[in-house]
């Protein structure tokens, strides 16, 4: 399902025009992105959590050049579904 399909579905089920729904969905995604960029997790009860995970430093190998590369510690966004959500999907 794409963002356009989500907007269309919400607009048809609520009676709100598509432009307003699209603006709301876009703003929601901006808030989630900004929160994660600032290191804040976003918790949606009954749905899940958007969290920031820290990947530790590790060493890797470039086989073609036979060199060792150090990949520094870095943060990545992740989604952890709620138990209610997981049960519904199963």
Protein backbone atom coordinates (compact mmCIF):
# COMPACT_ATOMS: atom_id res chain seq x y z
CA UNK A 1 0.00 0.00 0.00
CA UNK A 2 1.40 3.39 -0.98
CA UNK A 3 1.03 6.76 0.71
CA UNK A 4 -1.48 7.82 -1.98
CA UNK A 5 -3.58 4.71 -1.30
CA UNK A 6 -3.50 5.40 2.45
CA UNK A 7 -4.63 8.99 1.86
CA UNK A 8 -7.41 7.83 -0.46
CA UNK A 9 -8.60 5.22 2.08
CA UNK A 10 -8.63 7.70 4.99
CA UNK A 11 -10.38 10.36 2.90
CA UNK A 12 -13.10 7.98 1.73
CA UNK A 13 -13.74 6.52 5.21
CA UNK A 14 -13.79 9.86 7.07
CA UNK A 15 -15.22 12.24 4.48
CA UNK A 16 -12.26 14.62 4.84
CA UNK A 17 -10.83 15.96 1.58
CA UNK A 18 -7.68 14.31 0.23
CA UNK A 19 -5.58 17.49 0.45
CA UNK A 20 -6.17 17.80 4.21
CA UNK A 21 -5.49 14.11 4.79
CA UNK A 22 -2.28 14.28 2.71
CA UNK A 23 -1.10 17.33 4.68
CA UNK A 24 -1.80 15.52 7.97
CA UNK A 25 0.01 12.34 6.89
CA UNK A 26 3.00 14.38 5.64
CA UNK A 27 3.16 16.32 8.92
CA UNK A 28 2.98 13.08 10.93
CA UNK A 29 5.92 11.65 8.99
CA UNK A 30 7.90 14.90 9.42
CA UNK A 31 7.34 14.83 13.19
CA UNK A 32 8.44 11.19 13.42
CA UNK A 33 11.56 11.88 11.32
CA UNK A 34 12.48 14.99 13.31
CA UNK A 35 11.98 13.19 16.63
CA UNK A 36 14.17 10.27 15.58
CA UNK A 37 16.83 12.66 14.23
CA UNK A 38 16.90 14.31 17.67
CA UNK A 39 17.30 10.94 19.38
CA UNK A 40 13.72 10.79 20.69
CA UNK A 41 11.66 7.63 20.32
CA UNK A 42 8.02 7.80 19.18
CA UNK A 43 5.54 5.50 20.95
CA UNK A 44 2.09 4.78 19.46
CA UNK A 45 0.14 2.64 21.95
CA UNK A 46 -1.46 -0.36 20.26
CA UNK A 47 0.56 0.14 17.06
CA UNK A 48 4.27 0.19 17.84
CA UNK A 49 7.37 2.27 18.48
CA UNK A 50 9.67 4.12 16.15
CA UNK A 51 13.03 3.89 17.89
CA UNK A 52 16.66 4.84 17.31
CA UNK A 53 19.06 1.91 17.58
CA UNK A 54 22.81 2.24 17.96
CA UNK A 55 24.95 -0.09 15.92
CA UNK A 56 28.32 -0.64 17.57
CA UNK A 57 31.65 -0.26 15.83
CA UNK A 58 32.78 -3.26 13.83
CA UNK A 59 35.52 -4.30 11.45
CA UNK A 60 34.87 -5.46 7.92
CA UNK A 61 37.07 -6.69 5.11
CA UNK A 62 37.40 -5.48 1.55
CA UNK A 63 38.23 -8.81 -0.07
CA UNK A 64 39.27 -7.41 -3.44
CA UNK A 65 41.90 -5.09 -1.91
CA UNK A 66 42.63 -7.32 1.10
CA UNK A 67 42.21 -4.44 3.54
CA UNK A 68 40.44 -4.06 6.87
CA UNK A 69 37.80 -1.35 7.17
CA UNK A 70 36.51 -0.04 10.49
CA UNK A 71 32.83 0.84 10.40
CA UNK A 72 32.21 3.39 13.16
CA UNK A 73 29.34 3.30 15.63
CA UNK A 74 26.19 4.76 14.09
CA UNK A 75 22.48 5.15 14.71
CA UNK A 76 19.67 3.70 12.61
CA UNK A 77 15.89 4.12 12.74
CA UNK A 78 13.81 1.03 13.53
CA UNK A 79 10.19 0.06 14.09
CA UNK A 80 9.08 -2.30 16.84
CA UNK A 81 5.44 -3.40 16.52
CA UNK A 82 3.22 -3.60 19.60
CA UNK A 83 2.07 -7.01 20.85
CA UNK A 84 -1.55 -6.21 19.92
CA UNK A 85 -0.41 -5.36 16.39
CA UNK A 86 1.65 -8.54 16.12
CA UNK A 87 -1.29 -10.69 17.25
CA UNK A 88 -3.56 -9.07 14.68
CA UNK A 89 -1.09 -9.74 11.84
CA UNK A 90 -0.63 -13.39 12.84
